[in-house]
Amino acid sequence: MARLIFLVRNPLAVFSSMLESLAGDWTALRRLDRMHDLVTAPRNIARAASTLGGRISVVRYEDLVHDAGRTLSRMLKDVAIEGTPDLTKYSALESVLGDTKSVTRHRSPVDDYVDQWKHNISSSESGALASSYLDELGEELVEQLGYSYRELADQLRTSSGGRKAETRWRMLLTSDDELRWWHRMKLSFVHSAHQRGIWKTILRATYIAILGHAPLSRDARDHIDQRPV
């Protein structure tokens, strides 16, 4: 019978990393694959962990980088694999999978990035949105993943969501055909401002108002996929 290993990370760190990769453009989180990573994946992992029992090993990223040797030994024992030397050393082989931006800087796991999320979402806007995301996951799910909901919530307390952040999060979760027209306009404007800058966005909006359509574009920068159903 197959044995599985699930590697999980503090959900706020995942949220922060994704938002950072989008240069702070929170509207781009609506893309289908990103909403799957943020919402669907944690729920599926928790569901699998509760139903598959001894067939799986759940490994926290934070434990892995703080004490790679001990964590890997426990993981291998959980999946009935004999210990293998030098697992804590990165291979010289290059991979096209995953985020490798920091792997090339180190030869083994480091804990330099564990708390980086706190800095990345330190602004009131990103912190409030992160708080709404944490509420979306809920205490039970966060605890199932191995993290303290209360501790994470307390660290975001100074930027507690509020109605504005909750509205933004609802917009991210709502499919295109269910969004109110003014919410679609807001998402489009904010997204365009991140991509083009505020003045080009205003000129673009004026162009649309006068001619009734947007100028032709060679890319899909304005396209935001709907959330998973």
C-alpha atoms as a PDB file:
ATOM      1  CA  MET A   1       0.000   0.000   0.000  1.00  0.00           C
ATOM      2  CA  ALA A   2       1.367   3.409  -1.014  1.00  0.00           C
ATOM      3  CA  ARG A   3       2.648   5.767   1.661  1.00  0.00           C
ATOM      4  CA  LEU A   4       2.449   9.523   1.235  1.00  0.00           C
ATOM      5  CA  ILE A   5       4.398  12.522   2.490  1.00  0.00           C
ATOM      6  CA  PHE A   6       2.717  15.923   2.809  1.00  0.00           C
ATOM      7  CA  LEU A   7       4.946  18.953   3.281  1.00  0.00           C
ATOM      8  CA  VAL A   8       3.013  21.857   4.819  1.00  0.00           C
ATOM      9  CA  ARG A   9       3.948  25.403   5.724  1.00  0.00           C
ATOM     10  CA  ASN A  10       2.499  28.165   7.844  1.00  0.00           C
ATOM     11  CA  PRO A  11      -0.472  29.275   5.687  1.00  0.00           C
ATOM     12  CA  LEU A  12       0.310  32.951   6.314  1.00  0.00           C
ATOM     13  CA  ALA A  13       3.833  32.375   4.981  1.00  0.00           C
ATOM     14  CA  VAL A  14       2.347  30.766   1.869  1.00  0.00           C
ATOM     15  CA  PHE A  15      -0.044  33.700   1.456  1.00  0.00           C
ATOM     16  CA  SER A  16       2.800  36.189   1.958  1.00  0.00           C
ATOM     17  CA  SER A  17       5.081  34.446  -0.538  1.00  0.00           C
ATOM     18  CA  MET A  18       2.377  34.379  -3.180  1.00  0.00           C
ATOM     19  CA  LEU A  19       1.476  38.037  -2.666  1.00  0.00           C
ATOM     20  CA  GLU A  20       5.150  38.987  -2.828  1.00  0.00           C
ATOM     21  CA  SER A  21       5.583  37.124  -6.122  1.00  0.00           C
ATOM     22  CA  LEU A  22       2.676  39.183  -7.493  1.00  0.00           C
ATOM     23  CA  ALA A  23       4.335  42.445  -6.424  1.00  0.00           C
ATOM     24  CA  GLY A  24       1.473  43.116  -4.026  1.00  0.00           C
ATOM     25  CA  ASP A  25      -1.261  42.830  -6.665  1.00  0.00           C
ATOM     26  CA  TRP A  26      -3.912  41.197  -4.465  1.00  0.00           C
ATOM     27  CA  THR A  27      -6.413  41.051  -7.342  1.00  0.00           C
ATOM     28  CA  ALA A  28      -4.227  38.474  -9.112  1.00  0.00           C
ATOM     29  CA  LEU A  29      -4.887  36.026  -6.265  1.00  0.00           C
ATOM     30  CA  ARG A  30      -8.237  35.325  -7.976  1.00  0.00           C
ATOM     31  CA  ARG A  31      -6.514  33.171 -10.574  1.00  0.00           C
ATOM     32  CA  LEU A  32      -7.747  29.605 -10.366  1.00  0.00           C
ATOM     33  CA  ASP A  33      -4.446  27.893  -9.542  1.00  0.00           C
ATOM     34  CA  ARG A  34      -3.621  30.438  -6.834  1.00  0.00           C
ATOM     35  CA  MET A  35      -6.962  30.024  -5.099  1.00  0.00           C
ATOM     36  CA  HIS A  36      -6.451  26.266  -5.251  1.00  0.00           C
ATOM     37  CA  ASP A  37      -3.055  26.664  -3.546  1.00  0.00           C
ATOM     38  CA  LEU A  38      -4.445  28.973  -0.866  1.00  0.00           C
ATOM     39  CA  VAL A  39      -7.814  27.409  -0.105  1.00  0.00           C
ATOM     40  CA  THR A  40      -8.364  24.039  -1.760  1.00  0.00           C
ATOM     41  CA  ALA A  41      -4.966  22.475  -1.028  1.00  0.00           C
ATOM     42  CA  PRO A  42      -4.962  22.994   2.779  1.00  0.00           C
ATOM     43  CA  ARG A  43      -8.474  21.542   3.023  1.00  0.00           C
ATOM     44  CA  ASN A  44      -7.539  18.509   0.929  1.00  0.00           C
ATOM     45  CA  ILE A  45      -4.361  17.901   2.945  1.00  0.00           C
ATOM     46  CA  ALA A  46      -6.243  18.065   6.237  1.00  0.00           C
ATOM     47  CA  ARG A  47      -8.948  15.759   4.878  1.00  0.00           C
ATOM     48  CA  ALA A  48      -6.377  13.242   3.652  1.00  0.00           C
ATOM     49  CA  ALA A  49      -4.470  13.356   6.941  1.00  0.00           C
ATOM     50  CA  SER A  50      -7.628  12.547   8.901  1.00  0.00           C
ATOM     51  CA  THR A  51      -8.745   9.688   6.649  1.00  0.00           C
ATOM     52  CA  LEU A  52      -5.512   7.966   5.585  1.00  0.00           C
ATOM     53  CA  GLY A  53      -4.047   7.696   9.075  1.00  0.00           C
ATOM     54  CA  GLY A  54      -0.813   5.706   9.200  1.00  0.00           C
ATOM     55  CA  ARG A  55      -0.301   5.827   5.455  1.00  0.00           C
ATOM     56  CA  ILE A  56       0.907   9.407   5.535  1.00  0.00           C
ATOM     57  CA  SER A  57       3.547  11.571   7.135  1.00  0.00           C
ATOM     58  CA  VAL A  58       2.838  15.289   7.552  1.00  0.00           C
ATOM     59  CA  VAL A  59       6.053  17.316   7.677  1.00  0.00           C
ATOM     60  CA  ARG A  60       6.112  20.985   8.638  1.00  0.00           C
ATOM     61  CA  TYR A  61       8.473  23.191   6.662  1.00  0.00           C
ATOM     62  CA  GLU A  62       9.481  24.986   9.874  1.00  0.00           C
ATOM     63  CA  ASP A  63      10.527  21.721  11.558  1.00  0.00           C
ATOM     64  CA  LEU A  64      12.426  20.667   8.457  1.00  0.00           C
ATOM     65  CA  VAL A  65      14.585  23.784   8.289  1.00  0.00           C
ATOM     66  CA  HIS A  66      15.084  24.083  12.079  1.00  0.00           C
ATOM     67  CA  ASP A  67      16.225  20.467  12.514  1.00  0.00           C
ATOM     68  CA  ALA A  68      16.477  18.760   9.139  1.00  0.00           C
ATOM     69  CA  GLY A  69      18.236  15.612  10.371  1.00  0.00           C
ATOM     70  CA  ARG A  70      15.727  14.709  13.077  1.00  0.00           C
ATOM     71  CA  THR A  71      12.699  15.680  10.978  1.00  0.00           C
ATOM     72  CA  LEU A  72      13.841  13.619   7.993  1.00  0.00           C
ATOM     73  CA  SER A  73      14.563  10.620  10.225  1.00  0.00           C
ATOM     74  CA  ARG A  74      11.042  10.772  11.662  1.00  0.00           C
ATOM     75  CA  MET A  75       9.558  11.189   8.211  1.00  0.00           C
ATOM     76  CA  LEU A  76      11.402   8.161   6.827  1.00  0.00           C
ATOM     77  CA  LYS A  77      10.362   6.087   9.824  1.00  0.00           C
ATOM     78  CA  ASP A  78       6.720   7.096   9.315  1.00  0.00           C
ATOM     79  CA  VAL A  79       6.759   5.849   5.719  1.00  0.00           C
ATOM     80  CA  ALA A  80       8.862   2.757   6.507  1.00  0.00           C
ATOM     81  CA  ILE A  81      11.955   3.762   4.541  1.00  0.00           C
ATOM     82  CA  GLU A  82      15.431   3.017   5.827  1.00  0.00           C
ATOM     83  CA  GLY A  83      17.628   6.004   6.600  1.00  0.00           C
ATOM     84  CA  THR A  84      19.618   7.451   3.728  1.00  0.00           C
ATOM     85  CA  PRO A  85      22.791   9.481   4.326  1.00  0.00           C
ATOM     86  CA  ASP A  86      23.239  13.092   3.215  1.00  0.00           C
ATOM     87  CA  LEU A  87      19.541  13.781   2.747  1.00  0.00           C
ATOM     88  CA  THR A  88      20.067  17.182   4.323  1.00  0.00           C
ATOM     89  CA  LYS A  89      22.395  18.220   1.487  1.00  0.00           C
ATOM     90  CA  TYR A  90      20.941  19.664  -1.679  1.00  0.00           C
ATOM     91  CA  SER A  91      21.586  17.716  -4.842  1.00  0.00           C
ATOM     92  CA  ALA A  92      23.652  19.230  -7.605  1.00  0.00           C
ATOM     93  CA  LEU A  93      20.873  18.276 -10.007  1.00  0.00           C
ATOM     94  CA  GLU A  94      18.741  21.165 -11.138  1.00  0.00           C
ATOM     95  CA  SER A  95      14.958  20.959 -11.083  1.00  0.00           C
ATOM     96  CA  VAL A  96      12.382  22.945 -13.005  1.00  0.00           C
ATOM     97  CA  LEU A  97       9.741  22.208 -10.368  1.00  0.00           C
ATOM     98  CA  GLY A  98       8.860  24.401  -7.435  1.00  0.00           C
ATOM     99  CA  ASP A  99      10.303  27.728  -6.305  1.00  0.00           C
ATOM    100  CA  THR A 100      14.096  27.437  -6.579  1.00  0.00           C
ATOM    101  CA  LYS A 101      14.997  31.087  -6.057  1.00  0.00           C
ATOM    102  CA  SER A 102      16.683  30.427  -2.679  1.00  0.00           C
ATOM    103  CA  VAL A 103      17.889  26.850  -3.176  1.00  0.00           C
ATOM    104  CA  THR A 104      20.865  27.975  -5.258  1.00  0.00           C
ATOM    105  CA  ARG A 105      22.042  30.181  -2.374  1.00  0.00           C
ATOM    106  CA  HIS A 106      22.386  27.324   0.115  1.00  0.00           C
ATOM    107  CA  ARG A 107      23.717  23.787   0.281  1.00  0.00           C
ATOM    108  CA  SER A 108      21.301  22.615   2.958  1.00  0.00           C
ATOM    109  CA  PRO A 109      18.081  23.788   4.637  1.00  0.00           C
ATOM    110  CA  VAL A 110      18.258  27.112   6.522  1.00  0.00           C
ATOM    111  CA  ASP A 111      15.676  28.814   8.704  1.00  0.00           C
ATOM    112  CA  ASP A 112      16.324  32.315   7.367  1.00  0.00           C
ATOM    113  CA  TYR A 113      12.914  32.542   5.714  1.00  0.00           C
ATOM    114  CA  VAL A 114      10.629  31.158   8.412  1.00  0.00           C
ATOM    115  CA  ASP A 115       9.484  34.555   9.721  1.00  0.00           C
ATOM    116  CA  GLN A 116       9.952  36.577   6.547  1.00  0.00           C
ATOM    117  CA  TRP A 117       6.176  36.618   6.049  1.00  0.00           C
ATOM    118  CA  LYS A 118       5.813  38.980   9.015  1.00  0.00           C
ATOM    119  CA  HIS A 119       7.796  41.624   7.169  1.00  0.00           C
ATOM    120  CA  ASN A 120       6.168  40.972   3.797  1.00  0.00           C
ATOM    121  CA  ILE A 121       2.642  41.534   5.088  1.00  0.00           C
ATOM    122  CA  SER A 122       3.467  44.247   7.597  1.00  0.00           C
ATOM    123  CA  SER A 123       1.386  46.892   5.798  1.00  0.00           C
ATOM    124  CA  SER A 124      -2.164  47.451   6.994  1.00  0.00           C
ATOM    125  CA  GLU A 125      -3.587  46.463   3.590  1.00  0.00           C
ATOM    126  CA  SER A 126      -1.768  43.140   3.165  1.00  0.00           C
ATOM    127  CA  GLY A 127      -2.060  42.321   6.876  1.00  0.00           C
ATOM    128  CA  ALA A 128      -5.809  42.885   6.858  1.00  0.00           C
ATOM    129  CA  LEU A 129      -6.222  40.681   3.787  1.00  0.00           C
ATOM    130  CA  ALA A 130      -4.073  37.991   5.436  1.00  0.00           C
ATOM    131  CA  SER A 131      -6.346  38.156   8.481  1.00  0.00           C
ATOM    132  CA  SER A 132      -9.384  37.541   6.267  1.00  0.00           C
ATOM    133  CA  TYR A 133      -7.572  34.600   4.673  1.00  0.00           C
ATOM    134  CA  LEU A 134      -6.827  33.112   8.093  1.00  0.00           C
ATOM    135  CA  ASP A 135     -10.508  33.467   9.002  1.00  0.00           C
ATOM    136  CA  GLU A 136     -11.417  31.684   5.773  1.00  0.00           C
ATOM    137  CA  LEU A 137      -9.310  28.664   6.730  1.00  0.00           C
ATOM    138  CA  GLY A 138     -10.682  28.666  10.263  1.00  0.00           C
ATOM    139  CA  GLU A 139      -9.236  27.516  13.558  1.00  0.00           C
ATOM    140  CA  GLU A 140      -9.944  23.797  13.143  1.00  0.00           C
ATOM    141  CA  LEU A 141      -8.208  23.522   9.779  1.00  0.00           C
ATOM    142  CA  VAL A 142      -5.164  25.553  10.844  1.00  0.00           C
ATOM    143  CA  GLU A 143      -4.753  23.386  13.952  1.00  0.00           C
ATOM    144  CA  GLN A 144      -5.053  20.224  11.828  1.00  0.00           C
ATOM    145  CA  LEU A 145      -2.152  21.461   9.728  1.00  0.00           C
ATOM    146  CA  GLY A 146      -0.059  21.733  12.888  1.00  0.00           C
ATOM    147  CA  TYR A 147      -0.178  25.464  13.591  1.00  0.00           C
ATOM    148  CA  SER A 148      -1.659  27.537  16.392  1.00  0.00           C
ATOM    149  CA  TYR A 149      -4.550  29.577  15.055  1.00  0.00           C
ATOM    150  CA  ARG A 150      -4.482  31.826  18.117  1.00  0.00           C
ATOM    151  CA  GLU A 151      -0.782  32.598  17.779  1.00  0.00           C
ATOM    152  CA  LEU A 152      -1.122  33.439  14.094  1.00  0.00           C
ATOM    153  CA  ALA A 153      -4.200  35.559  14.741  1.00  0.00           C
ATOM    154  CA  ASP A 154      -2.423  37.428  17.550  1.00  0.00           C
ATOM    155  CA  GLN A 155       0.486  38.211  15.247  1.00  0.00           C
ATOM    156  CA  LEU A 156      -1.991  39.820  12.858  1.00  0.00           C
ATOM    157  CA  ARG A 157      -4.002  41.541  15.559  1.00  0.00           C
ATOM    158  CA  THR A 158      -2.711  45.021  14.774  1.00  0.00           C
ATOM    159  CA  SER A 159      -3.968  44.633  11.211  1.00  0.00           C
ATOM    160  CA  SER A 160      -7.227  42.849  11.909  1.00  0.00           C
ATOM    161  CA  GLY A 161      -9.314  42.548   8.764  1.00  0.00           C
ATOM    162  CA  GLY A 162     -12.289  44.863   9.130  1.00  0.00           C
ATOM    163  CA  ARG A 163     -15.110  45.265   6.659  1.00  0.00           C
ATOM    164  CA  LYS A 164     -12.926  46.545   3.806  1.00  0.00           C
ATOM    165  CA  ALA A 165     -10.596  43.534   3.929  1.00  0.00           C
ATOM    166  CA  GLU A 166     -13.537  41.131   4.237  1.00  0.00           C
ATOM    167  CA  THR A 167     -15.107  42.676   1.139  1.00  0.00           C
ATOM    168  CA  ARG A 168     -11.872  42.267  -0.792  1.00  0.00           C
ATOM    169  CA  TRP A 169     -11.568  38.646   0.269  1.00  0.00           C
ATOM    170  CA  ARG A 170     -15.183  37.969  -0.755  1.00  0.00           C
ATOM    171  CA  MET A 171     -14.403  39.442  -4.167  1.00  0.00           C
ATOM    172  CA  LEU A 172     -11.425  37.106  -4.511  1.00  0.00           C
ATOM    173  CA  LEU A 173     -13.625  34.106  -3.693  1.00  0.00           C
ATOM    174  CA  THR A 174     -16.561  35.070  -5.902  1.00  0.00           C
ATOM    175  CA  SER A 175     -16.803  33.836  -9.484  1.00  0.00           C
ATOM    176  CA  ASP A 176     -16.987  36.368 -12.312  1.00  0.00           C
ATOM    177  CA  ASP A 177     -20.624  35.756 -13.140  1.00  0.00           C
ATOM    178  CA  GLU A 178     -21.626  36.306  -9.493  1.00  0.00           C
ATOM    179  CA  LEU A 179     -19.619  39.482  -8.919  1.00  0.00           C
ATOM    180  CA  ARG A 180     -21.483  42.769  -8.769  1.00  0.00           C
ATOM    181  CA  TRP A 181     -20.558  45.016 -11.675  1.00  0.00           C
ATOM    182  CA  TRP A 182     -18.909  47.656  -9.458  1.00  0.00           C
ATOM    183  CA  HIS A 183     -16.761  44.974  -7.857  1.00  0.00           C
ATOM    184  CA  ARG A 184     -15.667  43.789 -11.303  1.00  0.00           C
ATOM    185  CA  MET A 185     -14.799  47.386 -12.179  1.00  0.00           C
ATOM    186  CA  LYS A 186     -12.799  47.798  -8.965  1.00  0.00           C
ATOM    187  CA  LEU A 187     -10.863  44.570  -9.500  1.00  0.00           C
ATOM    188  CA  SER A 188     -10.093  45.529 -13.087  1.00  0.00           C
ATOM    189  CA  PHE A 189      -8.966  49.038 -12.101  1.00  0.00           C
ATOM    190  CA  VAL A 190      -6.723  47.895  -9.233  1.00  0.00           C
ATOM    191  CA  HIS A 191      -5.228  45.110 -11.358  1.00  0.00           C
ATOM    192  CA  SER A 192      -4.526  47.495 -14.224  1.00  0.00           C
ATOM    193  CA  ALA A 193      -2.976  50.034 -11.836  1.00  0.00           C
ATOM    194  CA  HIS A 194      -0.525  47.394 -10.633  1.00  0.00           C
ATOM    195  CA  GLN A 195       0.310  46.376 -14.195  1.00  0.00           C
ATOM    196  CA  ARG A 196       0.444  49.764 -15.910  1.00  0.00           C
ATOM    197  CA  GLY A 197       0.534  52.413 -13.209  1.00  0.00           C
ATOM    198  CA  ILE A 198      -2.236  54.735 -12.103  1.00  0.00           C
ATOM    199  CA  TRP A 199      -1.999  57.314 -14.916  1.00  0.00           C
ATOM    200  CA  LYS A 200      -1.986  54.779 -17.750  1.00  0.00           C
ATOM    201  CA  THR A 201      -4.929  53.098 -16.053  1.00  0.00           C
ATOM    202  CA  ILE A 202      -6.843  56.380 -15.927  1.00  0.00           C
ATOM    203  CA  LEU A 203      -6.091  56.991 -19.617  1.00  0.00           C
ATOM    204  CA  ARG A 204      -7.205  53.461 -20.402  1.00  0.00           C
ATOM    205  CA  ALA A 205     -10.457  53.956 -18.471  1.00  0.00           C
ATOM    206  CA  THR A 206     -11.057  57.215 -20.372  1.00  0.00           C
ATOM    207  CA  TYR A 207     -10.443  55.399 -23.664  1.00  0.00           C
ATOM    208  CA  ILE A 208     -12.996  52.756 -22.741  1.00  0.00           C
ATOM    209  CA  ALA A 209     -15.529  55.387 -21.623  1.00  0.00           C
ATOM    210  CA  ILE A 210     -15.252  57.242 -24.934  1.00  0.00           C
ATOM    211  CA  LEU A 211     -14.967  54.364 -27.415  1.00  0.00           C
ATOM    212  CA  GLY A 212     -16.776  51.655 -25.489  1.00  0.00           C
ATOM    213  CA  HIS A 213     -13.939  49.118 -25.593  1.00  0.00           C
ATOM    214  CA  ALA A 214     -10.371  48.709 -24.429  1.00  0.00           C
ATOM    215  CA  PRO A 215      -7.395  49.118 -26.769  1.00  0.00           C
ATOM    216  CA  LEU A 216      -6.082  45.852 -28.179  1.00  0.00           C
ATOM    217  CA  SER A 217      -3.455  44.125 -26.069  1.00  0.00           C
ATOM    218  CA  ARG A 218      -1.012  41.347 -26.945  1.00  0.00           C
ATOM    219  CA  ASP A 219      -1.202  39.725 -23.541  1.00  0.00           C
ATOM    220  CA  ALA A 220      -3.779  38.703 -20.956  1.00  0.00           C
ATOM    221  CA  ARG A 221      -2.764  41.028 -18.159  1.00  0.00           C
ATOM    222  CA  ASP A 222      -6.351  41.958 -17.436  1.00  0.00           C
ATOM    223  CA  HIS A 223      -7.606  38.380 -17.281  1.00  0.00           C
ATOM    224  CA  ILE A 224      -8.319  36.978 -13.843  1.00  0.00           C
ATOM    225  CA  ASP A 225      -9.749  33.472 -13.729  1.00  0.00           C
ATOM    226  CA  GLN A 226     -12.641  32.762 -11.432  1.00  0.00           C
ATOM    227  CA  ARG A 227     -12.166  30.875  -8.178  1.00  0.00           C
ATOM    228  CA  PRO A 228     -12.603  27.101  -7.915  1.00  0.00           C
ATOM    229  CA  VAL A 229     -16.206  26.061  -7.274  1.00  0.00           C
END
